[in-house]
Amino acid sequence: MQRLFAAGPADLTDEGYFTDPAQWTPAHAHEMAAEAGLALSDRHLAVLSYLRERFAEGTPLTIRRIGNSGLVDIKGFYALFPGGPLKVSSRLAGIPKPASCV
């Protein structure tokens, strides 16, 4: 389904994940985060950038891999993205839902 954001239109799945990561901009992330009650900091954006880079490389995304990234530990990852950190952060990063997420 197509959704109109202030940042521009984007095609999303029924769960709110981008179907085309090329449509994503940081402005989309800020808008989606605000709707979820999150204010994105530089640390949030660093994690989102990391996720996008790993996705582009074809690297499978896991909470453990992010915890070992040097950007944030696992506890910090949960604090940044409460309520399912890998699901939430992937959605905000404009990438498809990771296979490891149910």
C-alpha atoms as a PDB file:
ATOM      1  CA  MET A   1       0.000   0.000   0.000  1.00  0.00           C
ATOM      2  CA  GLN A   2       1.206   3.488  -0.645  1.00  0.00           C
ATOM      3  CA  ARG A   3       1.345   5.920   2.240  1.00  0.00           C
ATOM      4  CA  LEU A   4       1.813   9.642   2.044  1.00  0.00           C
ATOM      5  CA  PHE A   5       4.312  11.064   4.497  1.00  0.00           C
ATOM      6  CA  ALA A   6       5.308  14.699   4.873  1.00  0.00           C
ATOM      7  CA  ALA A   7       8.707  13.404   3.698  1.00  0.00           C
ATOM      8  CA  GLY A   8       7.145  11.987   0.535  1.00  0.00           C
ATOM      9  CA  PRO A   9       5.181   8.898  -0.503  1.00  0.00           C
ATOM     10  CA  ALA A  10       6.382   5.379   0.254  1.00  0.00           C
ATOM     11  CA  ASP A  11       5.168   1.879  -0.506  1.00  0.00           C
ATOM     12  CA  LEU A  12       4.699  -0.095   2.716  1.00  0.00           C
ATOM     13  CA  THR A  13       3.643  -3.594   3.659  1.00  0.00           C
ATOM     14  CA  ASP A  14       0.590  -4.112   5.853  1.00  0.00           C
ATOM     15  CA  GLU A  15       2.981  -4.187   8.832  1.00  0.00           C
ATOM     16  CA  GLY A  16       4.482  -0.797   7.932  1.00  0.00           C
ATOM     17  CA  TYR A  17       7.818  -1.905   6.421  1.00  0.00           C
ATOM     18  CA  PHE A  18       9.121  -0.268   3.264  1.00  0.00           C
ATOM     19  CA  THR A  19       8.825  -2.482   0.192  1.00  0.00           C
ATOM     20  CA  ASP A  20      11.481  -0.402  -1.582  1.00  0.00           C
ATOM     21  CA  PRO A  21      14.298   0.732   0.729  1.00  0.00           C
ATOM     22  CA  ALA A  22      15.350   3.301  -1.904  1.00  0.00           C
ATOM     23  CA  GLN A  23      12.207   5.326  -1.089  1.00  0.00           C
ATOM     24  CA  TRP A  24      13.378   5.849   2.511  1.00  0.00           C
ATOM     25  CA  THR A  25      14.859   9.086   3.837  1.00  0.00           C
ATOM     26  CA  PRO A  26      15.870  10.063   7.379  1.00  0.00           C
ATOM     27  CA  ALA A  27      12.825  12.345   7.363  1.00  0.00           C
ATOM     28  CA  HIS A  28      10.619   9.249   6.958  1.00  0.00           C
ATOM     29  CA  ALA A  29      12.322   7.704   9.993  1.00  0.00           C
ATOM     30  CA  HIS A  30      11.726  10.810  12.101  1.00  0.00           C
ATOM     31  CA  GLU A  31       8.061  10.943  11.097  1.00  0.00           C
ATOM     32  CA  MET A  32       7.464   7.239  11.746  1.00  0.00           C
ATOM     33  CA  ALA A  33       9.314   7.428  15.070  1.00  0.00           C
ATOM     34  CA  ALA A  34       7.249  10.403  16.206  1.00  0.00           C
ATOM     35  CA  GLU A  35       4.081   8.435  15.447  1.00  0.00           C
ATOM     36  CA  ALA A  36       5.447   5.648  17.669  1.00  0.00           C
ATOM     37  CA  GLY A  37       6.289   8.081  20.467  1.00  0.00           C
ATOM     38  CA  LEU A  38      10.059   8.075  19.848  1.00  0.00           C
ATOM     39  CA  ALA A  39      12.335  11.048  19.281  1.00  0.00           C
ATOM     40  CA  LEU A  40      15.334   9.951  17.234  1.00  0.00           C
ATOM     41  CA  SER A  41      18.776  10.938  18.499  1.00  0.00           C
ATOM     42  CA  ASP A  42      22.101  10.719  16.688  1.00  0.00           C
ATOM     43  CA  ARG A  43      22.563   7.320  18.318  1.00  0.00           C
ATOM     44  CA  HIS A  44      19.247   6.080  16.897  1.00  0.00           C
ATOM     45  CA  LEU A  45      20.249   7.319  13.457  1.00  0.00           C
ATOM     46  CA  ALA A  46      23.649   5.601  13.704  1.00  0.00           C
ATOM     47  CA  VAL A  47      21.900   2.292  14.393  1.00  0.00           C
ATOM     48  CA  LEU A  48      19.470   2.848  11.514  1.00  0.00           C
ATOM     49  CA  SER A  49      22.386   3.605   9.191  1.00  0.00           C
ATOM     50  CA  TYR A  50      24.170   0.450  10.363  1.00  0.00           C
ATOM     51  CA  LEU A  51      21.046  -1.619   9.667  1.00  0.00           C
ATOM     52  CA  ARG A  52      20.687  -0.150   6.175  1.00  0.00           C
ATOM     53  CA  GLU A  53      24.357  -0.829   5.401  1.00  0.00           C
ATOM     54  CA  ARG A  54      24.184  -4.435   6.591  1.00  0.00           C
ATOM     55  CA  PHE A  55      20.932  -4.987   4.682  1.00  0.00           C
ATOM     56  CA  ALA A  56      22.512  -3.598   1.489  1.00  0.00           C
ATOM     57  CA  GLU A  57      25.425  -6.042   1.958  1.00  0.00           C
ATOM     58  CA  GLY A  58      22.987  -8.929   2.375  1.00  0.00           C
ATOM     59  CA  THR A  59      24.128  -9.571   5.959  1.00  0.00           C
ATOM     60  CA  PRO A  60      21.400 -11.221   8.064  1.00  0.00           C
ATOM     61  CA  LEU A  61      20.313  -8.923  10.873  1.00  0.00           C
ATOM     62  CA  THR A  62      20.139 -10.156  14.445  1.00  0.00           C
ATOM     63  CA  ILE A  63      19.992  -8.493  17.835  1.00  0.00           C
ATOM     64  CA  ARG A  64      23.307 -10.124  18.720  1.00  0.00           C
ATOM     65  CA  ARG A  65      25.008  -8.722  15.604  1.00  0.00           C
ATOM     66  CA  ILE A  66      23.802  -5.232  16.475  1.00  0.00           C
ATOM     67  CA  GLY A  67      24.965  -5.693  20.066  1.00  0.00           C
ATOM     68  CA  ASN A  68      28.412  -6.590  18.730  1.00  0.00           C
ATOM     69  CA  SER A  69      28.507  -3.681  16.281  1.00  0.00           C
ATOM     70  CA  GLY A  70      30.235  -1.302  18.684  1.00  0.00           C
ATOM     71  CA  LEU A  71      27.414   1.207  18.254  1.00  0.00           C
ATOM     72  CA  VAL A  72      25.250  -0.010  21.098  1.00  0.00           C
ATOM     73  CA  ASP A  73      25.143  -3.022  23.388  1.00  0.00           C
ATOM     74  CA  ILE A  74      22.088  -5.259  23.516  1.00  0.00           C
ATOM     75  CA  LYS A  75      20.643  -3.552  26.601  1.00  0.00           C
ATOM     76  CA  GLY A  76      21.127  -0.169  24.932  1.00  0.00           C
ATOM     77  CA  PHE A  77      19.476  -1.443  21.749  1.00  0.00           C
ATOM     78  CA  TYR A  78      16.391  -2.431  23.731  1.00  0.00           C
ATOM     79  CA  ALA A  79      16.399   0.979  25.416  1.00  0.00           C
ATOM     80  CA  LEU A  80      16.620   2.844  22.098  1.00  0.00           C
ATOM     81  CA  PHE A  81      13.890   0.818  20.385  1.00  0.00           C
ATOM     82  CA  PRO A  82      11.448  -0.521  22.993  1.00  0.00           C
ATOM     83  CA  GLY A  83       8.800  -3.065  22.085  1.00  0.00           C
ATOM     84  CA  GLY A  84      10.842  -5.334  19.826  1.00  0.00           C
ATOM     85  CA  PRO A  85      14.051  -3.505  18.958  1.00  0.00           C
ATOM     86  CA  LEU A  86      14.914  -5.310  15.725  1.00  0.00           C
ATOM     87  CA  LYS A  87      11.378  -5.016  14.374  1.00  0.00           C
ATOM     88  CA  VAL A  88      11.033  -1.361  15.334  1.00  0.00           C
ATOM     89  CA  SER A  89      14.491  -0.328  14.147  1.00  0.00           C
ATOM     90  CA  SER A  90      14.149  -2.190  10.835  1.00  0.00           C
ATOM     91  CA  ARG A  91      10.834  -0.522  10.161  1.00  0.00           C
ATOM     92  CA  LEU A  92      12.312   2.895  10.974  1.00  0.00           C
ATOM     93  CA  ALA A  93      15.402   2.120   8.852  1.00  0.00           C
ATOM     94  CA  GLY A  94      13.196   1.546   5.821  1.00  0.00           C
ATOM     95  CA  ILE A  95      14.247  -2.057   5.290  1.00  0.00           C
ATOM     96  CA  PRO A  96      12.131  -5.224   5.134  1.00  0.00           C
ATOM     97  CA  LYS A  97      11.290  -7.085   8.308  1.00  0.00           C
ATOM     98  CA  PRO A  98      14.235  -9.363   9.163  1.00  0.00           C
ATOM     99  CA  ALA A  99      13.648 -13.099   8.782  1.00  0.00           C
ATOM    100  CA  SER A 100      14.617 -13.553  12.441  1.00  0.00           C
ATOM    101  CA  CYS A 101      11.581 -11.494  13.549  1.00  0.00           C
ATOM    102  CA  VAL A 102       8.281 -13.278  14.037  1.00  0.00           C
END
